[in-house]
């Protein structure tokens, strides 16, 4: 299961559609708070695609809380920032991130490698 956390509704729906077409099941949330509620209610994600710049709680803080609750979830940050401009907490070497606008091949490669990890 892939959890999508993206505040832009069109992007969120497009990601769900793309993942479905490629054989992945997903659930989507429009905010970090909504995503954390979903996981508290029993949603177990293998991978979390998380927009870094979310309104309210940002993506970095959300991932910290998500991994505290479920250390096995593998986060993939989505951002328009260059690597040098990523917020504090995103800079670890093992961190996966994709630049917006997302490239379909890169997205599918990152998801495939994260689900195999």
PDB file of N, CA and C in Angstrom:
ATOM      1  N   UNK A   1       0.843  -1.183   0.000  1.00  0.00           N
ATOM      2  CA  UNK A   1       0.000   0.000   0.000  1.00  0.00           C
ATOM      3  C   UNK A   1       0.885   1.242   0.000  1.00  0.00           C
ATOM      4  N   UNK A   2       0.518   2.185  -0.852  1.00  0.00           N
ATOM      5  CA  UNK A   2       1.252   3.441  -0.944  1.00  0.00           C
ATOM      6  C   UNK A   2       0.359   4.560  -0.420  1.00  0.00           C
ATOM      7  N   UNK A   3       0.868   5.307   0.528  1.00  0.00           N
ATOM      8  CA  UNK A   3       0.169   6.460   1.067  1.00  0.00           C
ATOM      9  C   UNK A   3       0.673   7.696   0.328  1.00  0.00           C
ATOM     10  N   UNK A   4      -0.241   8.435  -0.268  1.00  0.00           N
ATOM     11  CA  UNK A   4       0.082   9.677  -0.969  1.00  0.00           C
ATOM     12  C   UNK A   4      -0.360  10.831  -0.084  1.00  0.00           C
ATOM     13  N   UNK A   5       0.554  11.746   0.206  1.00  0.00           N
ATOM     14  CA  UNK A   5       0.224  12.928   1.005  1.00  0.00           C
ATOM     15  C   UNK A   5       0.574  14.143   0.158  1.00  0.00           C
ATOM     16  N   UNK A   6      -0.443  14.720  -0.432  1.00  0.00           N
ATOM     17  CA  UNK A   6      -0.278  15.819  -1.394  1.00  0.00           C
ATOM     18  C   UNK A   6      -1.464  16.761  -1.244  1.00  0.00           C
ATOM     19  N   UNK A   7      -1.194  18.044  -1.017  1.00  0.00           N
ATOM     20  CA  UNK A   7      -2.287  18.991  -0.803  1.00  0.00           C
ATOM     21  C   UNK A   7      -2.980  19.436  -2.085  1.00  0.00           C
ATOM     22  N   UNK A   8      -2.343  19.304  -3.220  1.00  0.00           N
ATOM     23  CA  UNK A   8      -2.955  19.680  -4.492  1.00  0.00           C
ATOM     24  C   UNK A   8      -3.841  18.534  -4.984  1.00  0.00           C
ATOM     25  N   UNK A   9      -5.150  18.772  -5.037  1.00  0.00           N
ATOM     26  CA  UNK A   9      -6.114  17.718  -5.360  1.00  0.00           C
ATOM     27  C   UNK A   9      -5.864  17.080  -6.731  1.00  0.00           C
ATOM     28  N   UNK A  10      -5.551  17.884  -7.726  1.00  0.00           N
ATOM     29  CA  UNK A  10      -5.330  17.342  -9.071  1.00  0.00           C
ATOM     30  C   UNK A  10      -4.102  16.431  -9.070  1.00  0.00           C
ATOM     31  N   UNK A  11      -3.036  16.859  -8.430  1.00  0.00           N
ATOM     32  CA  UNK A  11      -1.824  16.031  -8.353  1.00  0.00           C
ATOM     33  C   UNK A  11      -2.095  14.745  -7.585  1.00  0.00           C
ATOM     34  N   UNK A  12      -2.848  14.852  -6.513  1.00  0.00           N
ATOM     35  CA  UNK A  12      -3.174  13.685  -5.680  1.00  0.00           C
ATOM     36  C   UNK A  12      -3.950  12.651  -6.503  1.00  0.00           C
ATOM     37  N   UNK A  13      -4.978  13.097  -7.214  1.00  0.00           N
ATOM     38  CA  UNK A  13      -5.765  12.174  -8.045  1.00  0.00           C
ATOM     39  C   UNK A  13      -4.932  11.594  -9.183  1.00  0.00           C
ATOM     40  N   UNK A  14      -4.089  12.404  -9.788  1.00  0.00           N
ATOM     41  CA  UNK A  14      -3.244  11.922 -10.888  1.00  0.00           C
ATOM     42  C   UNK A  14      -2.274  10.845 -10.387  1.00  0.00           C
ATOM     43  N   UNK A  15      -1.696  11.059  -9.216  1.00  0.00           N
ATOM     44  CA  UNK A  15      -0.790  10.058  -8.650  1.00  0.00           C
ATOM     45  C   UNK A  15      -1.525   8.752  -8.355  1.00  0.00           C
ATOM     46  N   UNK A  16      -2.716   8.846  -7.777  1.00  0.00           N
ATOM     47  CA  UNK A  16      -3.487   7.632  -7.508  1.00  0.00           C
ATOM     48  C   UNK A  16      -3.797   6.882  -8.797  1.00  0.00           C
ATOM     49  N   UNK A  17      -4.197   7.609  -9.824  1.00  0.00           N
ATOM     50  CA  UNK A  17      -4.518   6.989 -11.111  1.00  0.00           C
ATOM     51  C   UNK A  17      -3.284   6.334 -11.724  1.00  0.00           C
ATOM     52  N   UNK A  18      -2.175   7.032 -11.724  1.00  0.00           N
ATOM     53  CA  UNK A  18      -0.934   6.498 -12.270  1.00  0.00           C
ATOM     54  C   UNK A  18      -0.506   5.233 -11.535  1.00  0.00           C
ATOM     55  N   UNK A  19      -0.572   5.264 -10.217  1.00  0.00           N
ATOM     56  CA  UNK A  19      -0.180   4.089  -9.435  1.00  0.00           C
ATOM     57  C   UNK A  19      -1.110   2.913  -9.704  1.00  0.00           C
ATOM     58  N   UNK A  20      -2.411   3.172  -9.769  1.00  0.00           N
ATOM     59  CA  UNK A  20      -3.376   2.114 -10.062  1.00  0.00           C
ATOM     60  C   UNK A  20      -3.075   1.471 -11.424  1.00  0.00           C
ATOM     61  N   UNK A  21      -2.795   2.301 -12.429  1.00  0.00           N
ATOM     62  CA  UNK A  21      -2.484   1.784 -13.760  1.00  0.00           C
ATOM     63  C   UNK A  21      -1.220   0.918 -13.776  1.00  0.00           C
ATOM     64  N   UNK A  22      -0.354   1.130 -12.790  1.00  0.00           N
ATOM     65  CA  UNK A  22       0.892   0.367 -12.709  1.00  0.00           C
ATOM     66  C   UNK A  22       0.854  -0.722 -11.641  1.00  0.00           C
ATOM     67  N   UNK A  23      -0.350  -1.048 -11.177  1.00  0.00           N
ATOM     68  CA  UNK A  23      -0.525  -2.196 -10.291  1.00  0.00           C
ATOM     69  C   UNK A  23      -0.348  -1.948  -8.811  1.00  0.00           C
ATOM     70  N   UNK A  24      -0.287  -0.685  -8.399  1.00  0.00           N
ATOM     71  CA  UNK A  24      -0.109  -0.366  -6.982  1.00  0.00           C
ATOM     72  C   UNK A  24      -1.427   0.087  -6.365  1.00  0.00           C
ATOM     73  N   UNK A  25      -1.680  -0.344  -5.135  1.00  0.00           N
ATOM     74  CA  UNK A  25      -2.829   0.181  -4.409  1.00  0.00           C
ATOM     75  C   UNK A  25      -2.360   1.376  -3.593  1.00  0.00           C
ATOM     76  N   UNK A  26      -3.254   2.356  -3.453  1.00  0.00           N
ATOM     77  CA  UNK A  26      -2.875   3.566  -2.730  1.00  0.00           C
ATOM     78  C   UNK A  26      -4.077   4.158  -2.014  1.00  0.00           C
ATOM     79  N   UNK A  27      -3.767   4.965  -1.027  1.00  0.00           N
ATOM     80  CA  UNK A  27      -4.729   5.818  -0.334  1.00  0.00           C
ATOM     81  C   UNK A  27      -4.111   7.207  -0.336  1.00  0.00           C
ATOM     82  N   UNK A  28      -4.955   8.223  -0.415  1.00  0.00           N
ATOM     83  CA  UNK A  28      -4.426   9.582  -0.503  1.00  0.00           C
ATOM     84  C   UNK A  28      -5.007  10.474   0.576  1.00  0.00           C
ATOM     85  N   UNK A  29      -4.180  11.403   1.013  1.00  0.00           N
ATOM     86  CA  UNK A  29      -4.571  12.398   2.009  1.00  0.00           C
ATOM     87  C   UNK A  29      -4.150  13.772   1.506  1.00  0.00           C
ATOM     88  N   UNK A  30      -4.948  14.779   1.845  1.00  0.00           N
ATOM     89  CA  UNK A  30      -4.654  16.138   1.434  1.00  0.00           C
ATOM     90  C   UNK A  30      -3.821  16.928   2.417  1.00  0.00           C
ATOM     91  N   UNK A  31      -3.521  16.317   3.570  1.00  0.00           N
ATOM     92  CA  UNK A  31      -2.707  16.997   4.575  1.00  0.00           C
ATOM     93  C   UNK A  31      -1.984  15.960   5.422  1.00  0.00           C
ATOM     94  N   UNK A  32      -0.963  16.424   6.127  1.00  0.00           N
ATOM     95  CA  UNK A  32      -0.230  15.542   7.041  1.00  0.00           C
ATOM     96  C   UNK A  32      -1.151  15.054   8.147  1.00  0.00           C
ATOM     97  N   UNK A  33      -1.971  15.961   8.647  1.00  0.00           N
ATOM     98  CA  UNK A  33      -2.878  15.602   9.739  1.00  0.00           C
ATOM     99  C   UNK A  33      -3.864  14.514   9.306  1.00  0.00           C
ATOM    100  N   UNK A  34      -4.394  14.635   8.092  1.00  0.00           N
ATOM    101  CA  UNK A  34      -5.311  13.625   7.572  1.00  0.00           C
ATOM    102  C   UNK A  34      -4.597  12.282   7.414  1.00  0.00           C
ATOM    103  N   UNK A  35      -3.386  12.305   6.890  1.00  0.00           N
ATOM    104  CA  UNK A  35      -2.614  11.073   6.703  1.00  0.00           C
ATOM    105  C   UNK A  35      -2.343  10.386   8.037  1.00  0.00           C
ATOM    106  N   UNK A  36      -1.980  11.158   9.043  1.00  0.00           N
ATOM    107  CA  UNK A  36      -1.711  10.572  10.354  1.00  0.00           C
ATOM    108  C   UNK A  36      -2.984  10.008  10.984  1.00  0.00           C
ATOM    109  N   UNK A  37      -4.121  10.668  10.751  1.00  0.00           N
ATOM    110  CA  UNK A  37      -5.405  10.114  11.217  1.00  0.00           C
ATOM    111  C   UNK A  37      -5.679   8.777  10.553  1.00  0.00           C
ATOM    112  N   UNK A  38      -5.428   8.707   9.251  1.00  0.00           N
ATOM    113  CA  UNK A  38      -5.658   7.466   8.511  1.00  0.00           C
ATOM    114  C   UNK A  38      -4.810   6.330   9.078  1.00  0.00           C
ATOM    115  N   UNK A  39      -3.553   6.626   9.390  1.00  0.00           N
ATOM    116  CA  UNK A  39      -2.690   5.571   9.934  1.00  0.00           C
ATOM    117  C   UNK A  39      -3.115   5.204  11.353  1.00  0.00           C
ATOM    118  N   UNK A  40      -3.593   6.178  12.118  1.00  0.00           N
ATOM    119  CA  UNK A  40      -4.078   5.892  13.472  1.00  0.00           C
ATOM    120  C   UNK A  40      -5.323   5.013  13.429  1.00  0.00           C
ATOM    121  N   UNK A  41      -6.068   5.107  12.332  1.00  0.00           N
ATOM    122  CA  UNK A  41      -7.283   4.304  12.160  1.00  0.00           C
ATOM    123  C   UNK A  41      -7.004   2.957  11.510  1.00  0.00           C
ATOM    124  N   UNK A  42      -5.727   2.629  11.294  1.00  0.00           N
ATOM    125  CA  UNK A  42      -5.380   1.300  10.818  1.00  0.00           C
ATOM    126  C   UNK A  42      -4.745   1.182   9.451  1.00  0.00           C
ATOM    127  N   UNK A  43      -4.630   2.264   8.708  1.00  0.00           N
ATOM    128  CA  UNK A  43      -3.969   2.187   7.409  1.00  0.00           C
ATOM    129  C   UNK A  43      -2.490   1.874   7.618  1.00  0.00           C
ATOM    130  N   UNK A  44      -2.004   0.833   6.958  1.00  0.00           N
ATOM    131  CA  UNK A  44      -0.592   0.474   7.047  1.00  0.00           C
ATOM    132  C   UNK A  44       0.009   0.656   5.652  1.00  0.00           C
ATOM    133  N   UNK A  45       0.940   1.579   5.557  1.00  0.00           N
ATOM    134  CA  UNK A  45       1.582   1.871   4.271  1.00  0.00           C
ATOM    135  C   UNK A  45       2.972   1.257   4.227  1.00  0.00           C
ATOM    136  N   UNK A  46       3.331   0.768   3.051  1.00  0.00           N
ATOM    137  CA  UNK A  46       4.698   0.298   2.818  1.00  0.00           C
ATOM    138  C   UNK A  46       5.581   1.474   2.415  1.00  0.00           C
ATOM    139  N   UNK A  47       5.000   2.363   1.603  1.00  0.00           N
ATOM    140  CA  UNK A  47       5.700   3.532   1.084  1.00  0.00           C
ATOM    141  C   UNK A  47       4.798   4.739   1.298  1.00  0.00           C
ATOM    142  N   UNK A  48       5.388   5.876   1.656  1.00  0.00           N
ATOM    143  CA  UNK A  48       4.647   7.128   1.778  1.00  0.00           C
ATOM    144  C   UNK A  48       5.259   8.152   0.832  1.00  0.00           C
ATOM    145  N   UNK A  49       4.491   8.578  -0.166  1.00  0.00           N
ATOM    146  CA  UNK A  49       4.892   9.669  -1.060  1.00  0.00           C
ATOM    147  C   UNK A  49       4.408  10.950  -0.402  1.00  0.00           C
ATOM    148  N   UNK A  50       5.334  11.789   0.029  1.00  0.00           N
ATOM    149  CA  UNK A  50       4.976  12.926   0.871  1.00  0.00           C
ATOM    150  C   UNK A  50       5.493  14.231   0.280  1.00  0.00           C
ATOM    151  N   UNK A  51       4.569  15.141   0.017  1.00  0.00           N
ATOM    152  CA  UNK A  51       4.940  16.488  -0.391  1.00  0.00           C
ATOM    153  C   UNK A  51       5.646  17.155   0.785  1.00  0.00           C
ATOM    154  N   UNK A  52       6.775  17.771   0.553  1.00  0.00           N
ATOM    155  CA  UNK A  52       7.525  18.429   1.626  1.00  0.00           C
ATOM    156  C   UNK A  52       6.773  19.654   2.130  1.00  0.00           C
ATOM    157  N   UNK A  53       6.238  20.449   1.215  1.00  0.00           N
ATOM    158  CA  UNK A  53       5.595  21.716   1.587  1.00  0.00           C
ATOM    159  C   UNK A  53       4.084  21.550   1.687  1.00  0.00           C
ATOM    160  N   UNK A  54       3.650  21.073   2.832  1.00  0.00           N
ATOM    161  CA  UNK A  54       2.224  20.912   3.098  1.00  0.00           C
ATOM    162  C   UNK A  54       1.761  22.048   3.997  1.00  0.00           C
ATOM    163  N   UNK A  55       0.492  22.446   3.877  1.00  0.00           N
ATOM    164  CA  UNK A  55      -0.029  23.433   4.824  1.00  0.00           C
ATOM    165  C   UNK A  55      -0.178  22.784   6.196  1.00  0.00           C
ATOM    166  N   UNK A  56      -0.056  23.557   7.248  1.00  0.00           N
ATOM    167  CA  UNK A  56      -0.107  22.975   8.586  1.00  0.00           C
ATOM    168  C   UNK A  56       1.204  22.262   8.866  1.00  0.00           C
ATOM    169  N   UNK A  57       1.106  21.017   9.317  1.00  0.00           N
ATOM    170  CA  UNK A  57       2.303  20.211   9.569  1.00  0.00           C
ATOM    171  C   UNK A  57       3.002  19.937   8.235  1.00  0.00           C
ATOM    172  N   UNK A  58       4.309  20.220   8.156  1.00  0.00           N
ATOM    173  CA  UNK A  58       5.014  19.978   6.892  1.00  0.00           C
ATOM    174  C   UNK A  58       5.338  18.491   6.718  1.00  0.00           C
ATOM    175  N   UNK A  59       5.789  18.147   5.524  1.00  0.00           N
ATOM    176  CA  UNK A  59       6.061  16.756   5.203  1.00  0.00           C
ATOM    177  C   UNK A  59       7.171  16.129   6.025  1.00  0.00           C
ATOM    178  N   UNK A  60       8.186  16.894   6.380  1.00  0.00           N
ATOM    179  CA  UNK A  60       9.305  16.362   7.165  1.00  0.00           C
ATOM    180  C   UNK A  60       8.831  15.969   8.557  1.00  0.00           C
ATOM    181  N   UNK A  61       8.072  16.852   9.193  1.00  0.00           N
ATOM    182  CA  UNK A  61       7.538  16.562  10.521  1.00  0.00           C
ATOM    183  C   UNK A  61       6.571  15.370  10.459  1.00  0.00           C
ATOM    184  N   UNK A  62       5.760  15.325   9.419  1.00  0.00           N
ATOM    185  CA  UNK A  62       4.818  14.227   9.265  1.00  0.00           C
ATOM    186  C   UNK A  62       5.535  12.882   9.134  1.00  0.00           C
ATOM    187  N   UNK A  63       6.608  12.852   8.353  1.00  0.00           N
ATOM    188  CA  UNK A  63       7.370  11.612   8.180  1.00  0.00           C
ATOM    189  C   UNK A  63       7.995  11.178   9.505  1.00  0.00           C
ATOM    190  N   UNK A  64       8.508  12.125  10.273  1.00  0.00           N
ATOM    191  CA  UNK A  64       9.067  11.768  11.592  1.00  0.00           C
ATOM    192  C   UNK A  64       8.022  11.064  12.454  1.00  0.00           C
ATOM    193  N   UNK A  65       6.826  11.628  12.492  1.00  0.00           N
ATOM    194  CA  UNK A  65       5.751  11.036  13.294  1.00  0.00           C
ATOM    195  C   UNK A  65       5.299   9.700  12.709  1.00  0.00           C
ATOM    196  N   UNK A  66       5.187   9.622  11.404  1.00  0.00           N
ATOM    197  CA  UNK A  66       4.779   8.382  10.751  1.00  0.00           C
ATOM    198  C   UNK A  66       5.778   7.269  11.041  1.00  0.00           C
ATOM    199  N   UNK A  67       7.066   7.570  10.970  1.00  0.00           N
ATOM    200  CA  UNK A  67       8.082   6.553  11.233  1.00  0.00           C
ATOM    201  C   UNK A  67       8.177   6.204  12.716  1.00  0.00           C
ATOM    202  N   UNK A  68       7.824   7.143  13.577  1.00  0.00           N
ATOM    203  CA  UNK A  68       7.763   6.828  14.999  1.00  0.00           C
ATOM    204  C   UNK A  68       6.668   5.783  15.237  1.00  0.00           C
ATOM    205  N   UNK A  69       5.558   5.941  14.552  1.00  0.00           N
ATOM    206  CA  UNK A  69       4.439   5.016  14.682  1.00  0.00           C
ATOM    207  C   UNK A  69       4.684   3.695  13.956  1.00  0.00           C
ATOM    208  N   UNK A  70       5.325   3.792  12.802  1.00  0.00           N
ATOM    209  CA  UNK A  70       5.560   2.611  11.967  1.00  0.00           C
ATOM    210  C   UNK A  70       6.938   2.730  11.316  1.00  0.00           C
ATOM    211  N   UNK A  71       7.989   2.237  12.004  1.00  0.00           N
ATOM    212  CA  UNK A  71       9.359   2.392  11.493  1.00  0.00           C
ATOM    213  C   UNK A  71       9.617   1.723  10.142  1.00  0.00           C
ATOM    214  N   UNK A  72       8.762   0.815   9.732  1.00  0.00           N
ATOM    215  CA  UNK A  72       9.018   0.104   8.477  1.00  0.00           C
ATOM    216  C   UNK A  72       8.532   0.870   7.242  1.00  0.00           C
ATOM    217  N   UNK A  73       7.746   1.924   7.425  1.00  0.00           N
ATOM    218  CA  UNK A  73       7.293   2.692   6.265  1.00  0.00           C
ATOM    219  C   UNK A  73       8.485   3.396   5.627  1.00  0.00           C
ATOM    220  N   UNK A  74       8.531   3.370   4.304  1.00  0.00           N
ATOM    221  CA  UNK A  74       9.630   3.989   3.575  1.00  0.00           C
ATOM    222  C   UNK A  74       9.141   5.286   2.922  1.00  0.00           C
ATOM    223  N   UNK A  75       9.631   6.430   3.401  1.00  0.00           N
ATOM    224  CA  UNK A  75       9.174   7.702   2.845  1.00  0.00           C
ATOM    225  C   UNK A  75       9.901   8.077   1.557  1.00  0.00           C
ATOM    226  N   UNK A  76       9.164   8.727   0.695  1.00  0.00           N
ATOM    227  CA  UNK A  76       9.723   9.333  -0.512  1.00  0.00           C
ATOM    228  C   UNK A  76       9.181  10.750  -0.544  1.00  0.00           C
ATOM    229  N   UNK A  77      10.064  11.725  -0.409  1.00  0.00           N
ATOM    230  CA  UNK A  77       9.652  13.118  -0.430  1.00  0.00           C
ATOM    231  C   UNK A  77       9.453  13.583  -1.868  1.00  0.00           C
ATOM    232  N   UNK A  78       8.461  14.453  -2.053  1.00  0.00           N
ATOM    233  CA  UNK A  78       8.213  15.093  -3.342  1.00  0.00           C
ATOM    234  C   UNK A  78       8.379  16.591  -3.121  1.00  0.00           C
ATOM    235  N   UNK A  79       9.193  17.238  -3.943  1.00  0.00           N
ATOM    236  CA  UNK A  79       9.468  18.664  -3.736  1.00  0.00           C
ATOM    237  C   UNK A  79       9.895  19.341  -5.024  1.00  0.00           C
ATOM    238  N   UNK A  80       9.654  20.627  -5.078  1.00  0.00           N
ATOM    239  CA  UNK A  80      10.156  21.428  -6.187  1.00  0.00           C
ATOM    240  C   UNK A  80      11.536  21.988  -5.863  1.00  0.00           C
ATOM    241  N   UNK A  81      12.005  21.791  -4.626  1.00  0.00           N
ATOM    242  CA  UNK A  81      13.307  22.303  -4.181  1.00  0.00           C
ATOM    243  C   UNK A  81      14.462  21.513  -4.791  1.00  0.00           C
ATOM    244  N   UNK A  82      15.577  22.191  -4.962  1.00  0.00           N
ATOM    245  CA  UNK A  82      16.822  21.507  -5.291  1.00  0.00           C
ATOM    246  C   UNK A  82      17.320  20.824  -4.031  1.00  0.00           C
ATOM    247  N   UNK A  83      18.162  19.813  -4.150  1.00  0.00           N
ATOM    248  CA  UNK A  83      18.662  19.086  -2.978  1.00  0.00           C
ATOM    249  C   UNK A  83      19.301  20.027  -1.954  1.00  0.00           C
ATOM    250  N   UNK A  84      20.049  21.017  -2.427  1.00  0.00           N
ATOM    251  CA  UNK A  84      20.711  21.953  -1.512  1.00  0.00           C
ATOM    252  C   UNK A  84      19.720  22.841  -0.757  1.00  0.00           C
ATOM    253  N   UNK A  85      18.488  22.942  -1.239  1.00  0.00           N
ATOM    254  CA  UNK A  85      17.485  23.810  -0.618  1.00  0.00           C
ATOM    255  C   UNK A  85      16.430  23.044   0.174  1.00  0.00           C
ATOM    256  N   UNK A  86      16.631  21.743   0.357  1.00  0.00           N
ATOM    257  CA  UNK A  86      15.652  20.946   1.086  1.00  0.00           C
ATOM    258  C   UNK A  86      15.608  21.374   2.548  1.00  0.00           C
ATOM    259  N   UNK A  87      14.426  21.307   3.161  1.00  0.00           N
ATOM    260  CA  UNK A  87      14.317  21.671   4.582  1.00  0.00           C
ATOM    261  C   UNK A  87      15.147  20.751   5.467  1.00  0.00           C
ATOM    262  N   UNK A  88      15.500  21.239   6.652  1.00  0.00           N
ATOM    263  CA  UNK A  88      16.233  20.422   7.622  1.00  0.00           C
ATOM    264  C   UNK A  88      15.439  19.157   7.889  1.00  0.00           C
ATOM    265  N   UNK A  89      16.132  18.034   7.937  1.00  0.00           N
ATOM    266  CA  UNK A  89      15.472  16.755   8.167  1.00  0.00           C
ATOM    267  C   UNK A  89      15.349  15.942   6.901  1.00  0.00           C
ATOM    268  N   UNK A  90      15.529  16.576   5.762  1.00  0.00           N
ATOM    269  CA  UNK A  90      15.440  15.880   4.476  1.00  0.00           C
ATOM    270  C   UNK A  90      16.812  15.501   3.936  1.00  0.00           C
ATOM    271  N   UNK A  91      17.856  15.869   4.641  1.00  0.00           N
ATOM    272  CA  UNK A  91      19.179  15.813   4.032  1.00  0.00           C
ATOM    273  C   UNK A  91      19.946  14.506   4.222  1.00  0.00           C
ATOM    274  N   UNK A  92      19.342  13.495   4.816  1.00  0.00           N
ATOM    275  CA  UNK A  92      20.081  12.256   5.047  1.00  0.00           C
ATOM    276  C   UNK A  92      20.409  11.569   3.724  1.00  0.00           C
ATOM    277  N   UNK A  93      21.517  10.876   3.704  1.00  0.00           N
ATOM    278  CA  UNK A  93      21.968  10.213   2.473  1.00  0.00           C
ATOM    279  C   UNK A  93      20.973   9.155   1.995  1.00  0.00           C
ATOM    280  N   UNK A  94      20.301   8.475   2.928  1.00  0.00           N
ATOM    281  CA  UNK A  94      19.387   7.403   2.539  1.00  0.00           C
ATOM    282  C   UNK A  94      18.004   7.919   2.141  1.00  0.00           C
ATOM    283  N   UNK A  95      17.775   9.206   2.312  1.00  0.00           N
ATOM    284  CA  UNK A  95      16.488   9.789   2.005  1.00  0.00           C
ATOM    285  C   UNK A  95      16.206   9.726   0.510  1.00  0.00           C
ATOM    286  N   UNK A  96      15.000   9.332   0.181  1.00  0.00           N
ATOM    287  CA  UNK A  96      14.582   9.313  -1.219  1.00  0.00           C
ATOM    288  C   UNK A  96      13.740  10.560  -1.473  1.00  0.00           C
ATOM    289  N   UNK A  97      13.984  11.213  -2.602  1.00  0.00           N
ATOM    290  CA  UNK A  97      13.139  12.341  -2.953  1.00  0.00           C
ATOM    291  C   UNK A  97      13.027  12.449  -4.467  1.00  0.00           C
ATOM    292  N   UNK A  98      11.921  13.016  -4.892  1.00  0.00           N
ATOM    293  CA  UNK A  98      11.650  13.253  -6.301  1.00  0.00           C
ATOM    294  C   UNK A  98      11.391  14.738  -6.490  1.00  0.00           C
ATOM    295  N   UNK A  99      11.893  15.264  -7.578  1.00  0.00           N
ATOM    296  CA  UNK A  99      11.671  16.675  -7.913  1.00  0.00           C
ATOM    297  C   UNK A  99      10.376  16.811  -8.690  1.00  0.00           C
ATOM    298  N   UNK A 100       9.638  17.857  -8.375  1.00  0.00           N
ATOM    299  CA  UNK A 100       8.436  18.201  -9.125  1.00  0.00           C
ATOM    300  C   UNK A 100       8.824  19.127 -10.259  1.00  0.00           C
ATOM    301  N   UNK A 101       8.213  19.030 -11.405  1.00  0.00           N
ATOM    302  CA  UNK A 101       7.175  18.069 -11.746  1.00  0.00           C
ATOM    303  C   UNK A 101       7.758  16.653 -11.829  1.00  0.00           C
ATOM    304  N   UNK A 102       6.993  15.699 -11.319  1.00  0.00           N
ATOM    305  CA  UNK A 102       7.466  14.322 -11.246  1.00  0.00           C
ATOM    306  C   UNK A 102       7.616  13.714 -12.632  1.00  0.00           C
ATOM    307  N   UNK A 103       8.685  12.960 -12.787  1.00  0.00           N
ATOM    308  CA  UNK A 103       8.904  12.186 -14.001  1.00  0.00           C
ATOM    309  C   UNK A 103       8.372  10.775 -13.732  1.00  0.00           C
ATOM    310  N   UNK A 104       7.490  10.288 -14.570  1.00  0.00           N
ATOM    311  CA  UNK A 104       6.815   9.007 -14.323  1.00  0.00           C
ATOM    312  C   UNK A 104       7.819   7.875 -14.130  1.00  0.00           C
ATOM    313  N   UNK A 105       8.802   7.767 -14.993  1.00  0.00           N
ATOM    314  CA  UNK A 105       9.776   6.675 -14.889  1.00  0.00           C
ATOM    315  C   UNK A 105      10.527   6.737 -13.561  1.00  0.00           C
ATOM    316  N   UNK A 106      10.933   7.927 -13.152  1.00  0.00           N
ATOM    317  CA  UNK A 106      11.655   8.073 -11.887  1.00  0.00           C
ATOM    318  C   UNK A 106      10.754   7.711 -10.711  1.00  0.00           C
ATOM    319  N   UNK A 107       9.501   8.135 -10.757  1.00  0.00           N
ATOM    320  CA  UNK A 107       8.547   7.805  -9.703  1.00  0.00           C
ATOM    321  C   UNK A 107       8.387   6.297  -9.572  1.00  0.00           C
ATOM    322  N   UNK A 108       8.168   5.626 -10.676  1.00  0.00           N
ATOM    323  CA  UNK A 108       7.974   4.173 -10.635  1.00  0.00           C
ATOM    324  C   UNK A 108       9.241   3.445 -10.198  1.00  0.00           C
ATOM    325  N   UNK A 109      10.406   3.941 -10.600  1.00  0.00           N
ATOM    326  CA  UNK A 109      11.673   3.332 -10.156  1.00  0.00           C
ATOM    327  C   UNK A 109      11.848   3.460  -8.649  1.00  0.00           C
ATOM    328  N   UNK A 110      11.568   4.640  -8.106  1.00  0.00           N
ATOM    329  CA  UNK A 110      11.717   4.867  -6.667  1.00  0.00           C
ATOM    330  C   UNK A 110      10.742   3.998  -5.890  1.00  0.00           C
ATOM    331  N   UNK A 111       9.513   3.908  -6.363  1.00  0.00           N
ATOM    332  CA  UNK A 111       8.525   3.072  -5.678  1.00  0.00           C
ATOM    333  C   UNK A 111       8.924   1.600  -5.735  1.00  0.00           C
ATOM    334  N   UNK A 112       9.361   1.154  -6.900  1.00  0.00           N
ATOM    335  CA  UNK A 112       9.780  -0.242  -7.026  1.00  0.00           C
ATOM    336  C   UNK A 112      10.939  -0.551  -6.090  1.00  0.00           C
ATOM    337  N   UNK A 113      11.921   0.338  -6.023  1.00  0.00           N
ATOM    338  CA  UNK A 113      13.070   0.076  -5.146  1.00  0.00           C
ATOM    339  C   UNK A 113      12.664   0.160  -3.678  1.00  0.00           C
ATOM    340  N   UNK A 114      11.738   1.040  -3.339  1.00  0.00           N
ATOM    341  CA  UNK A 114      11.289   1.158  -1.953  1.00  0.00           C
ATOM    342  C   UNK A 114      10.469  -0.053  -1.536  1.00  0.00           C
ATOM    343  N   UNK A 115       9.682  -0.600  -2.423  1.00  0.00           N
ATOM    344  CA  UNK A 115       8.858  -1.759  -2.064  1.00  0.00           C
ATOM    345  C   UNK A 115       9.691  -3.023  -1.988  1.00  0.00           C
ATOM    346  N   UNK A 116      10.863  -3.023  -2.622  1.00  0.00           N
ATOM    347  CA  UNK A 116      11.751  -4.187  -2.561  1.00  0.00           C
ATOM    348  C   UNK A 116      12.681  -4.129  -1.357  1.00  0.00           C
ATOM    349  N   UNK A 117      12.848  -2.938  -0.785  1.00  0.00           N
ATOM    350  CA  UNK A 117      13.786  -2.751   0.338  1.00  0.00           C
ATOM    351  C   UNK A 117      13.337  -3.493   1.575  1.00  0.00           C
TER     352      UNK A 117
END
